Amino acid sequence: MASAATLNSVEATKIENLRSATSGLNEISENEKSGFINLVTRYLSGEAQHVDWSKINTPTDDIVVPYETVSPPPEEEAKTKELLDKLVVLKLNGGLGTTMGCTGPKSVIEVRNGLTFLDLIVMQIENLNSKYGSKVPLVLMNSFNTHDDTLKIVEKYTNSNVEIHTFNQSQYPRLVVEDFLPLPCKGESGKDGWYPPGHGDVFPSLKNSGKLDLFLSQGKEYIFVANSDNLGAIVDLKILSHLVQNKNEYCMEVTPKTLADVKGGTLISYEGKVQLLEIAQVPDEHVSEFKSIEKFKIFNTNNLWVNLHAIKRLVEADALKMEIIPNPKEVDGVKVLQLETAAGAAIKFFDNAIGMNVPRSRFLPVKATSDLLLVQSDLYTVVDGFVIRNTARNNPANPTIELGPEFKKVSNFLSRFKSIPSIIELDSLKVTGDVWFGAGVALKGKVTINAKSAAKLEVPDGAVIADKEINGAEDI
């Protein structure tokens, strides 16, 4: 932690005032108060966020290991069970489904066949545990936004063979920019006064919740952390086996960049260590270079495998000082600041940390209804909770899909399709305006469908549209 000695007198006074104001916030624990003050102190001390561009090197295959070169896991079931008994699966479950027009945690949005993200996750681990006689637990890291709802939702899995744990990540007060005091001290008593400080908080929160010590006492060694909305983030025995054999304390799964991923963080070699480079750290004159897929060929999927003993060691030493991401917001006209950290940035603090360049299939996030269209289509099937890509598609890349604002909310999206079109042979789809799809539609090649202003455009049942631009019913 940057000590108060590195602050000038004005900033030191700000911290003292903030400490005094925060001490009266009874909604949060002492751990949360000290974590918050530490974060703000580091921010005010102006820790360098930018990197020296000349020191950046492309990581070698020793540091970012190609997945195809990794040895297969042991074939004997007893050895596999032994491996799985070292594992905990953690899903980041703090996000709401608001951007897709849903209330409650995002993980309860129905993905396919009436199954939610959470249903699929539980089914996957159930199948592993049944097959190998293992006891892999599932942990959900909630935020104060999702915690109460999640506790009710997980009751439905009571009879499952998966032990489900939940804990809350930290809750920090938003900072009022004008005077650097907590927003809840200004009379904002509701949820708007608070924020969850990013998924970098997973490490201290795992410790503070008591879950870290619990899992260590059960002989667990590794935790697989992933976003709950990434349908590709399934347990991979090959990766786990590699980490155990090579004593890697941390592994970040990366995958080749496409033009859709240009803003994603990438791994670099920097001053002898592997490090995550995010777009926010890149000097302005190098941003276009950062976005190019020639120099920086991989990006972070946020699938992370981390050694539990190492987490305990580093959290107890207060050594995880990840780059701070300032996130400015406005609440009822008041300018506020949220200081956040990312779990991927912790890679440089762990011993023998690596990246692993994995197949794109391990990154299948659902961030918008355009992604939902992909996973609900004939491009994928669900087997035992696993979302599997249809081998009938020859193109290794998925089609690019752009849907207009009429499709943004899940309910609107679903109402506009009598059934999800066949897109096995689709390259790209762009839909704008008031468009409705009939049943049994097939889309192939490059398709653009544009309903004229104030006009409703219905694609009839059974229509096959290949390499066409459609501006009215007469074009179909």
Protein backbone atom coordinates (compact mmCIF):
# COMPACT_ATOMS: atom_id res chain seq x y z
CA MET A 1 0.00 0.00 0.00
CA ALA A 2 1.19 3.53 -0.72
CA SER A 3 1.65 5.07 2.70
CA ALA A 4 0.32 8.48 3.66
CA ALA A 5 3.95 9.67 3.60
CA THR A 6 3.89 9.58 -0.21
CA LEU A 7 0.95 12.00 -0.27
CA ASN A 8 1.23 15.77 -0.23
CA SER A 9 -0.39 17.62 2.67
CA VAL A 10 -3.64 18.34 0.77
CA GLU A 11 -4.05 14.68 -0.17
CA ALA A 12 -3.09 13.49 3.31
CA THR A 13 -5.84 15.73 4.73
CA LYS A 14 -8.30 14.29 2.20
CA ILE A 15 -7.45 10.78 3.39
CA GLU A 16 -7.82 11.72 7.07
CA ASN A 17 -11.23 13.28 6.38
CA LEU A 18 -12.24 10.26 4.33
CA ARG A 19 -11.07 7.86 7.04
CA SER A 20 -13.07 9.76 9.64
CA ALA A 21 -16.23 9.82 7.48
CA THR A 22 -15.88 6.15 6.50
CA SER A 23 -15.50 5.01 10.11
CA GLY A 24 -19.14 6.00 10.68
CA LEU A 25 -20.50 3.84 7.84
CA ASN A 26 -22.08 0.97 9.75
CA GLU A 27 -23.26 -0.84 6.60
CA ILE A 28 -19.78 -2.24 5.91
CA SER A 29 -17.18 -4.26 7.83
CA GLU A 30 -13.83 -3.06 9.18
CA ASN A 31 -12.11 -5.10 6.44
CA GLU A 32 -14.11 -3.25 3.80
CA LYS A 33 -13.35 0.13 5.38
CA SER A 34 -9.59 -0.49 5.46
CA GLY A 35 -9.61 -1.99 1.94
CA PHE A 36 -11.41 1.10 0.66
CA ILE A 37 -9.06 3.56 2.38
CA ASN A 38 -6.02 1.62 1.07
CA LEU A 39 -7.39 1.78 -2.48
CA VAL A 40 -8.08 5.53 -2.33
CA THR A 41 -4.64 6.18 -0.76
CA ARG A 42 -2.94 4.28 -3.57
CA TYR A 43 -4.99 6.22 -6.11
CA LEU A 44 -4.12 9.62 -4.63
CA SER A 45 -0.43 8.75 -4.37
CA GLY A 46 -0.47 8.59 -8.18
CA GLU A 47 0.99 5.13 -8.66
CA ALA A 48 2.16 4.91 -12.26
CA GLN A 49 -0.52 3.48 -14.52
CA HIS A 50 1.31 3.86 -17.81
CA VAL A 51 3.96 1.45 -18.98
CA ASP A 52 7.28 2.20 -20.66
CA TRP A 53 6.45 1.16 -24.22
CA SER A 54 10.08 0.40 -25.08
CA LYS A 55 10.23 -2.30 -22.37
CA ILE A 56 7.32 -4.33 -23.74
CA ASN A 57 8.21 -7.71 -25.20
CA THR A 58 6.06 -10.37 -26.83
CA PRO A 59 5.80 -13.34 -24.45
CA THR A 60 7.50 -16.59 -25.49
CA ASP A 61 5.75 -19.98 -25.59
CA ASP A 62 7.19 -20.69 -22.14
CA ILE A 63 5.16 -17.81 -20.74
CA VAL A 64 2.06 -18.05 -22.94
CA VAL A 65 1.79 -21.78 -23.46
CA PRO A 66 0.03 -22.99 -26.64
CA TYR A 67 -2.86 -25.23 -25.53
CA GLU A 68 -2.11 -27.82 -28.22
CA THR A 69 1.39 -28.44 -26.78
CA VAL A 70 0.04 -29.29 -23.31
CA SER A 71 0.10 -32.98 -22.35
CA PRO A 72 -3.28 -34.69 -22.07
CA PRO A 73 -4.56 -35.31 -18.54
CA PRO A 74 -4.16 -38.76 -16.95
CA GLU A 75 -6.59 -41.33 -18.33
CA GLU A 76 -7.11 -43.36 -15.15
CA GLU A 77 -10.31 -42.33 -13.40
CA ALA A 78 -8.67 -42.48 -9.96
CA LYS A 79 -6.02 -39.96 -11.08
CA THR A 80 -8.71 -37.72 -12.57
CA LYS A 81 -10.69 -37.82 -9.32
CA GLU A 82 -7.50 -36.93 -7.44
CA LEU A 83 -7.06 -33.89 -9.71
CA LEU A 84 -10.68 -32.77 -9.41
CA ASP A 85 -10.56 -33.08 -5.63
CA LYS A 86 -7.98 -30.26 -5.67
CA LEU A 87 -10.37 -27.93 -7.54
CA VAL A 88 -12.92 -25.25 -6.64
CA VAL A 89 -14.98 -23.52 -9.37
CA LEU A 90 -15.84 -19.85 -8.77
CA LYS A 91 -18.19 -17.83 -10.95
CA LEU A 92 -18.25 -14.04 -10.82
CA ASN A 93 -21.94 -13.42 -10.17
CA GLY A 94 -22.07 -9.74 -9.25
CA GLY A 95 -23.63 -8.41 -12.45
CA LEU A 96 -27.28 -7.60 -13.11
CA GLY A 97 -29.13 -8.34 -16.34
CA THR A 98 -30.24 -4.72 -16.71
CA THR A 99 -28.43 -4.07 -20.02
CA MET A 100 -30.51 -6.88 -21.54
CA GLY A 101 -33.72 -5.59 -19.97
CA CYS A 102 -33.85 -8.19 -17.19
CA THR A 103 -34.19 -7.77 -13.45
CA GLY A 104 -32.05 -9.70 -10.97
CA PRO A 105 -28.69 -11.41 -11.46
CA LYS A 106 -27.57 -11.83 -15.06
CA SER A 107 -26.85 -15.51 -14.39
CA VAL A 108 -30.59 -16.29 -14.24
CA ILE A 109 -31.30 -15.19 -17.81
CA GLU A 110 -32.54 -18.19 -19.81
CA VAL A 111 -29.90 -19.12 -22.36
CA ARG A 112 -31.41 -22.10 -24.13
CA ASN A 113 -34.15 -24.73 -23.68
CA GLY A 114 -35.41 -22.86 -20.60
CA LEU A 115 -32.03 -23.30 -18.88
CA THR A 116 -30.26 -20.33 -17.26
CA PHE A 117 -26.50 -19.69 -17.09
CA LEU A 118 -26.60 -20.99 -13.52
CA ASP A 119 -28.54 -24.14 -14.47
CA LEU A 120 -25.92 -24.96 -17.11
CA ILE A 121 -23.02 -24.32 -14.70
CA VAL A 122 -24.55 -26.60 -12.03
CA MET A 123 -25.30 -29.31 -14.63
CA GLN A 124 -21.69 -29.26 -15.85
CA ILE A 125 -20.25 -29.74 -12.37
CA GLU A 126 -22.93 -32.33 -11.51
CA ASN A 127 -21.82 -34.36 -14.51
CA LEU A 128 -18.15 -34.13 -13.53
CA ASN A 129 -18.88 -35.15 -9.94
CA SER A 130 -21.11 -38.05 -11.04
CA LYS A 131 -18.65 -39.32 -13.63
CA TYR A 132 -15.56 -39.32 -11.39
CA GLY A 133 -17.01 -39.52 -7.87
CA SER A 134 -15.42 -36.15 -7.11
CA LYS A 135 -16.70 -33.30 -4.95
CA VAL A 136 -15.95 -30.14 -6.92
CA PRO A 137 -17.78 -27.28 -5.15
CA LEU A 138 -19.28 -24.26 -6.91
CA VAL A 139 -18.74 -20.82 -5.40
CA LEU A 140 -20.67 -17.74 -6.47
CA MET A 141 -19.12 -14.37 -5.73
CA ASN A 142 -22.10 -12.04 -5.51
CA SER A 143 -22.30 -8.30 -5.12
CA PHE A 144 -24.77 -6.53 -2.83
CA ASN A 145 -26.85 -6.10 -6.02
CA THR A 146 -27.26 -9.85 -6.58
CA HIS A 147 -26.79 -11.47 -3.17
CA ASP A 148 -30.36 -11.70 -1.85
CA ASP A 149 -31.79 -12.93 -5.16
CA THR A 150 -29.00 -15.49 -5.57
CA LEU A 151 -29.62 -16.99 -2.12
CA LYS A 152 -33.24 -17.67 -3.13
CA ILE A 153 -32.29 -19.00 -6.56
CA VAL A 154 -29.71 -21.55 -5.35
CA GLU A 155 -32.33 -23.23 -3.15
CA LYS A 156 -33.54 -25.05 -6.29
CA TYR A 157 -30.23 -26.97 -6.38
CA THR A 158 -30.57 -28.37 -2.84
CA ASN A 159 -30.76 -31.97 -4.10
CA SER A 160 -27.80 -31.59 -6.44
CA ASN A 161 -24.48 -33.39 -5.84
CA VAL A 162 -22.76 -29.99 -6.08
CA GLU A 163 -22.00 -28.15 -2.86
CA ILE A 164 -22.81 -24.50 -3.56
CA HIS A 165 -21.18 -21.69 -1.60
CA THR A 166 -21.95 -17.99 -1.89
CA PHE A 167 -20.22 -14.93 -0.53
CA ASN A 168 -20.42 -11.22 -1.12
CA GLN A 169 -17.61 -9.24 -2.64
CA SER A 170 -16.71 -5.96 -0.93
CA GLN A 171 -19.10 -3.04 -0.85
CA TYR A 172 -17.36 0.34 -1.10
CA PRO A 173 -18.89 3.83 -0.91
CA ARG A 174 -18.84 5.94 -4.07
CA LEU A 175 -16.56 8.95 -3.75
CA VAL A 176 -17.95 12.43 -4.33
CA VAL A 177 -15.46 14.06 -6.72
CA GLU A 178 -15.92 17.58 -5.35
CA ASP A 179 -14.72 16.91 -1.80
CA PHE A 180 -13.58 13.26 -1.82
CA LEU A 181 -16.08 12.18 0.82
CA PRO A 182 -18.29 9.06 0.69
CA LEU A 183 -21.63 9.56 -1.08
CA PRO A 184 -23.57 7.74 1.70
CA CYS A 185 -22.39 10.48 4.11
CA LYS A 186 -24.23 13.00 1.90
CA GLY A 187 -27.64 11.52 2.60
CA GLU A 188 -27.62 8.90 -0.19
CA SER A 189 -28.97 6.03 1.89
CA GLY A 190 -29.90 3.62 -0.93
CA LYS A 191 -27.85 1.29 -3.13
CA ASP A 192 -26.78 4.21 -5.33
CA GLY A 193 -24.33 5.27 -2.63
CA TRP A 194 -22.29 2.09 -3.04
CA TYR A 195 -20.44 0.02 -5.63
CA PRO A 196 -18.64 -3.35 -5.91
CA PRO A 197 -14.94 -2.58 -6.64
CA GLY A 198 -14.38 -4.84 -9.67
CA HIS A 199 -13.45 -8.53 -9.81
CA GLY A 200 -9.88 -7.88 -8.60
CA ASP A 201 -11.62 -7.89 -5.23
CA VAL A 202 -12.17 -11.67 -5.55
CA PHE A 203 -8.90 -12.43 -3.72
CA PRO A 204 -9.36 -10.39 -0.50
CA SER A 205 -13.10 -11.17 -0.43
CA LEU A 206 -12.43 -14.91 -0.70
CA LYS A 207 -10.16 -14.58 2.34
CA ASN A 208 -12.43 -12.23 4.32
CA SER A 209 -15.46 -14.49 3.77
CA GLY A 210 -13.70 -17.44 5.42
CA LYS A 211 -14.14 -19.52 2.23
CA LEU A 212 -10.42 -19.51 1.39
CA ASP A 213 -9.43 -21.12 4.70
CA LEU A 214 -12.36 -23.54 4.45
CA PHE A 215 -11.26 -24.82 1.03
CA LEU A 216 -7.61 -25.07 2.10
CA SER A 217 -8.68 -27.14 5.13
CA GLN A 218 -10.48 -29.49 2.69
CA GLY A 219 -7.27 -30.04 0.71
CA LYS A 220 -8.28 -27.85 -2.24
CA GLU A 221 -5.38 -26.31 -4.18
CA TYR A 222 -6.70 -24.46 -7.23
CA ILE A 223 -9.65 -22.20 -7.95
CA PHE A 224 -10.99 -21.74 -11.48
CA VAL A 225 -12.45 -18.23 -11.73
CA ALA A 226 -14.63 -17.17 -14.67
CA ASN A 227 -17.47 -14.83 -15.60
CA SER A 228 -20.87 -16.48 -15.10
CA ASP A 229 -21.93 -15.36 -18.60
CA ASN A 230 -19.04 -17.10 -20.41
CA LEU A 231 -20.60 -20.34 -21.66
CA GLY A 232 -17.20 -21.59 -22.84
CA ALA A 233 -15.59 -21.44 -19.38
CA ILE A 234 -15.87 -25.11 -18.46
CA VAL A 235 -13.54 -27.17 -16.27
CA ASP A 236 -10.60 -28.36 -18.39
CA LEU A 237 -8.62 -31.25 -16.91
CA LYS A 238 -5.74 -30.70 -19.32
CA ILE A 239 -5.15 -27.17 -17.99
CA LEU A 240 -5.54 -28.22 -14.35
CA SER A 241 -3.15 -31.15 -14.77
CA HIS A 242 -0.54 -28.89 -16.40
CA LEU A 243 -0.70 -26.35 -13.55
CA VAL A 244 -0.41 -28.99 -10.83
CA GLN A 245 2.56 -30.68 -12.57
CA ASN A 246 4.40 -27.42 -13.27
CA LYS A 247 3.53 -25.69 -9.99
CA ASN A 248 2.13 -22.62 -11.76
CA GLU A 249 0.48 -20.37 -9.18
CA TYR A 250 -1.60 -18.52 -11.76
CA CYS A 251 -2.80 -19.16 -15.29
CA MET A 252 -4.74 -16.73 -17.48
CA GLU A 253 -6.49 -18.21 -20.48
CA VAL A 254 -5.96 -16.05 -23.55
CA THR A 255 -7.20 -16.64 -27.08
CA PRO A 256 -6.38 -15.17 -30.51
CA LYS A 257 -7.80 -11.68 -31.07
CA THR A 258 -10.29 -10.91 -33.80
CA LEU A 259 -11.33 -7.41 -34.84
CA ALA A 260 -14.20 -7.70 -32.33
CA ASP A 261 -11.74 -8.01 -29.43
CA VAL A 262 -9.40 -5.08 -30.08
CA LYS A 263 -10.08 -3.43 -26.72
CA GLY A 264 -9.42 -6.57 -24.64
CA GLY A 265 -6.38 -6.73 -22.35
CA THR A 266 -3.34 -8.65 -23.60
CA LEU A 267 -0.37 -10.39 -21.97
CA ILE A 268 3.13 -8.96 -22.31
CA SER A 269 6.58 -9.70 -20.94
CA TYR A 270 7.64 -6.66 -18.93
CA GLU A 271 10.80 -6.35 -16.88
CA GLY A 272 11.10 -10.11 -16.66
CA LYS A 273 7.51 -10.79 -15.59
CA VAL A 274 4.31 -11.69 -17.37
CA GLN A 275 1.86 -8.81 -17.09
CA LEU A 276 -1.62 -7.84 -18.27
CA LEU A 277 -1.69 -4.74 -20.46
CA GLU A 278 -5.07 -2.99 -20.58
CA ILE A 279 -6.05 -0.27 -23.03
CA ALA A 280 -6.31 2.25 -20.15
CA GLN A 281 -2.56 1.86 -19.48
CA VAL A 282 -1.53 2.47 -23.08
CA PRO A 283 -0.10 5.92 -23.93
CA ASP A 284 -2.36 7.73 -26.44
CA GLU A 285 0.21 7.57 -29.23
CA HIS A 286 0.28 3.75 -29.02
CA VAL A 287 -3.47 2.99 -28.80
CA SER A 288 -3.83 2.09 -32.49
CA GLU A 289 -0.81 -0.20 -32.20
CA PHE A 290 -2.39 -1.85 -29.13
CA LYS A 291 -5.62 -2.44 -31.07
CA SER A 292 -3.83 -4.01 -34.03
CA ILE A 293 -4.08 -7.77 -34.23
CA GLU A 294 -0.61 -8.04 -35.77
CA LYS A 295 1.51 -7.03 -32.76
CA PHE A 296 -0.82 -8.01 -29.91
CA LYS A 297 -2.34 -11.24 -31.11
CA ILE A 298 -4.06 -12.50 -27.94
CA PHE A 299 -6.52 -11.18 -25.37
CA ASN A 300 -7.63 -12.08 -21.85
CA THR A 301 -10.76 -14.27 -21.64
CA ASN A 302 -10.97 -13.70 -17.85
CA ASN A 303 -10.83 -17.47 -17.31
CA LEU A 304 -8.27 -17.65 -14.49
CA TRP A 305 -6.78 -20.60 -12.59
CA VAL A 306 -5.16 -19.61 -9.31
CA ASN A 307 -3.41 -21.49 -6.51
CA LEU A 308 -5.28 -21.10 -3.21
CA HIS A 309 -2.13 -21.22 -1.03
CA ALA A 310 -0.66 -18.39 -3.13
CA ILE A 311 -3.82 -16.29 -2.75
CA LYS A 312 -3.60 -16.68 1.03
CA ARG A 313 0.10 -15.74 1.09
CA LEU A 314 -0.35 -12.64 -1.08
CA VAL A 315 -3.56 -11.36 0.54
CA GLU A 316 -2.10 -11.72 4.03
CA ALA A 317 1.02 -9.80 2.91
CA ASP A 318 -1.21 -7.10 1.31
CA ALA A 319 0.86 -7.65 -1.83
CA LEU A 320 -1.87 -7.59 -4.49
CA LYS A 321 -1.62 -4.00 -5.67
CA MET A 322 -3.32 -4.23 -9.04
CA GLU A 323 -3.63 -1.22 -11.33
CA ILE A 324 -6.51 1.00 -10.27
CA ILE A 325 -9.26 1.61 -12.82
CA PRO A 326 -11.03 4.94 -12.11
CA ASN A 327 -14.67 4.71 -13.21
CA PRO A 328 -16.43 8.12 -13.16
CA LYS A 329 -20.23 8.10 -12.74
CA GLU A 330 -23.02 10.51 -11.96
CA VAL A 331 -25.71 9.93 -9.32
CA ASP A 332 -28.61 12.41 -9.26
CA GLY A 333 -26.41 15.08 -10.81
CA VAL A 334 -23.52 14.48 -8.37
CA LYS A 335 -20.21 13.50 -9.99
CA VAL A 336 -18.79 10.44 -8.23
CA LEU A 337 -15.81 8.14 -8.66
CA GLN A 338 -15.58 4.37 -8.37
CA LEU A 339 -12.10 2.90 -7.99
CA GLU A 340 -11.91 -0.67 -9.26
CA THR A 341 -9.36 -3.41 -9.91
CA ALA A 342 -9.33 -6.41 -12.26
CA ALA A 343 -8.45 -9.99 -11.30
CA GLY A 344 -6.35 -10.47 -14.45
CA ALA A 345 -3.96 -7.71 -13.41
CA ALA A 346 -2.89 -9.82 -10.40
CA ILE A 347 -0.91 -12.16 -12.67
CA LYS A 348 2.38 -10.30 -12.09
CA PHE A 349 2.33 -10.95 -8.33
CA PHE A 350 2.19 -14.76 -8.53
CA ASP A 351 5.19 -17.07 -8.88
CA ASN A 352 5.63 -19.09 -12.04
CA ALA A 353 2.55 -17.43 -13.59
CA ILE A 354 1.65 -18.27 -17.18
CA GLY A 355 -0.87 -17.53 -19.86
CA MET A 356 -2.35 -20.33 -21.93
CA ASN A 357 -3.42 -19.73 -25.52
CA VAL A 358 -6.67 -21.71 -25.62
CA PRO A 359 -9.17 -22.42 -28.42
CA ARG A 360 -11.76 -19.72 -29.06
CA SER A 361 -14.46 -22.18 -27.95
CA ARG A 362 -13.46 -21.42 -24.33
CA PHE A 363 -14.65 -17.84 -24.80
CA LEU A 364 -18.38 -17.67 -25.51
CA PRO A 365 -19.71 -14.70 -23.55
CA VAL A 366 -23.32 -13.56 -23.71
CA LYS A 367 -23.21 -9.79 -23.29
CA ALA A 368 -26.14 -8.86 -25.53
CA THR A 369 -29.11 -10.40 -27.36
CA SER A 370 -26.94 -10.73 -30.49
CA ASP A 371 -24.88 -13.29 -28.51
CA LEU A 372 -28.10 -14.95 -27.35
CA LEU A 373 -29.10 -15.39 -31.01
CA LEU A 374 -25.85 -17.30 -31.63
CA VAL A 375 -26.24 -19.70 -28.71
CA GLN A 376 -29.97 -20.29 -29.25
CA SER A 377 -29.47 -21.09 -32.94
CA ASP A 378 -28.56 -24.34 -34.71
CA LEU A 379 -24.92 -23.25 -34.39
CA TYR A 380 -24.91 -24.81 -30.90
CA THR A 381 -26.44 -27.69 -28.98
CA VAL A 382 -26.54 -28.32 -25.22
CA VAL A 383 -25.32 -31.69 -23.94
CA ASP A 384 -25.17 -32.30 -20.16
CA GLY A 385 -25.02 -28.55 -19.58
CA PHE A 386 -22.15 -28.06 -22.04
CA VAL A 387 -22.78 -25.70 -24.97
CA ILE A 388 -21.24 -27.46 -27.98
CA ARG A 389 -20.64 -25.94 -31.40
CA ASN A 390 -22.19 -27.60 -34.44
CA THR A 391 -19.50 -29.36 -36.49
CA ALA A 392 -21.57 -28.74 -39.64
CA ARG A 393 -20.21 -25.17 -39.71
CA ASN A 394 -17.00 -25.02 -41.72
CA ASN A 395 -15.95 -21.49 -40.77
CA PRO A 396 -14.04 -21.55 -37.43
CA ALA A 397 -15.28 -18.01 -36.66
CA ASN A 398 -18.84 -17.27 -35.58
CA PRO A 399 -21.00 -14.96 -37.69
CA THR A 400 -21.00 -11.29 -36.71
CA ILE A 401 -24.46 -10.19 -35.64
CA GLU A 402 -25.74 -6.63 -35.18
CA LEU A 403 -29.29 -6.16 -33.97
CA GLY A 404 -30.99 -2.77 -33.66
CA PRO A 405 -32.31 -1.31 -30.37
CA GLU A 406 -35.71 -2.97 -30.98
CA PHE A 407 -33.99 -6.27 -30.07
CA LYS A 408 -31.99 -5.03 -27.06
CA LYS A 409 -34.23 -6.39 -24.30
CA VAL A 410 -34.52 -10.17 -24.03
CA SER A 411 -38.33 -10.06 -23.99
CA ASN A 412 -38.44 -7.96 -27.19
CA PHE A 413 -35.78 -10.14 -28.81
CA LEU A 414 -37.75 -13.33 -28.12
CA SER A 415 -41.06 -11.86 -29.30
CA ARG A 416 -39.54 -10.88 -32.68
CA PHE A 417 -38.57 -14.45 -33.59
CA LYS A 418 -41.24 -17.14 -34.07
CA SER A 419 -38.23 -19.44 -34.01
CA ILE A 420 -34.51 -18.71 -34.09
CA PRO A 421 -33.27 -18.77 -37.72
CA SER A 422 -30.77 -21.30 -39.04
CA ILE A 423 -27.40 -19.52 -39.20
CA ILE A 424 -24.99 -22.41 -39.88
CA GLU A 425 -23.95 -20.77 -43.17
CA LEU A 426 -24.24 -17.14 -42.06
CA ASP A 427 -21.22 -14.81 -42.24
CA SER A 428 -22.82 -11.58 -41.02
CA LEU A 429 -26.25 -10.23 -40.14
CA LYS A 430 -27.28 -6.62 -39.61
CA VAL A 431 -30.88 -5.86 -38.65
CA THR A 432 -32.27 -2.34 -38.24
CA GLY A 433 -35.80 -1.12 -37.64
CA ASP A 434 -39.09 -2.89 -36.91
CA VAL A 435 -38.23 -6.38 -38.20
CA TRP A 436 -40.07 -9.61 -37.29
CA PHE A 437 -38.94 -13.14 -38.17
CA GLY A 438 -41.24 -16.04 -39.03
CA ALA A 439 -40.56 -19.70 -38.22
CA GLY A 440 -38.00 -21.85 -40.04
CA VAL A 441 -36.06 -18.94 -41.58
CA ALA A 442 -32.53 -19.65 -42.89
CA LEU A 443 -29.89 -16.91 -43.22
CA LYS A 444 -26.73 -17.48 -45.29
CA GLY A 445 -23.69 -15.43 -46.31
CA LYS A 446 -23.93 -11.68 -45.73
CA VAL A 447 -27.44 -10.51 -44.89
CA THR A 448 -28.69 -6.98 -44.15
CA ILE A 449 -32.34 -6.41 -43.23
CA ASN A 450 -33.44 -2.81 -42.90
CA ALA A 451 -37.06 -1.86 -42.18
CA LYS A 452 -37.86 1.60 -43.48
CA SER A 453 -38.77 4.23 -40.91
CA ALA A 454 -42.21 3.60 -39.34
CA ALA A 455 -42.66 0.49 -41.51
CA LYS A 456 -43.00 -3.05 -40.16
CA LEU A 457 -41.03 -5.68 -42.06
CA GLU A 458 -41.98 -9.34 -41.63
CA VAL A 459 -39.69 -12.12 -42.82
CA PRO A 460 -42.12 -14.92 -43.78
CA ASP A 461 -42.04 -18.49 -42.45
CA GLY A 462 -39.53 -20.70 -44.26
CA ALA A 463 -37.75 -17.83 -46.03
CA VAL A 464 -34.18 -18.54 -47.16
CA ILE A 465 -32.13 -15.34 -47.44
CA ALA A 466 -28.62 -15.63 -48.88
CA ASP A 467 -26.19 -12.74 -49.52
CA LYS A 468 -28.94 -10.13 -49.74
CA GLU A 469 -29.74 -6.62 -48.65
CA ILE A 470 -33.43 -6.35 -47.81
CA ASN A 471 -35.15 -2.97 -47.48
CA GLY A 472 -38.76 -4.10 -47.85
CA ALA A 473 -40.99 -7.18 -48.30
CA GLU A 474 -40.49 -6.99 -52.08
CA ASP A 475 -36.77 -7.81 -51.65
CA ILE A 476 -37.36 -11.12 -49.86
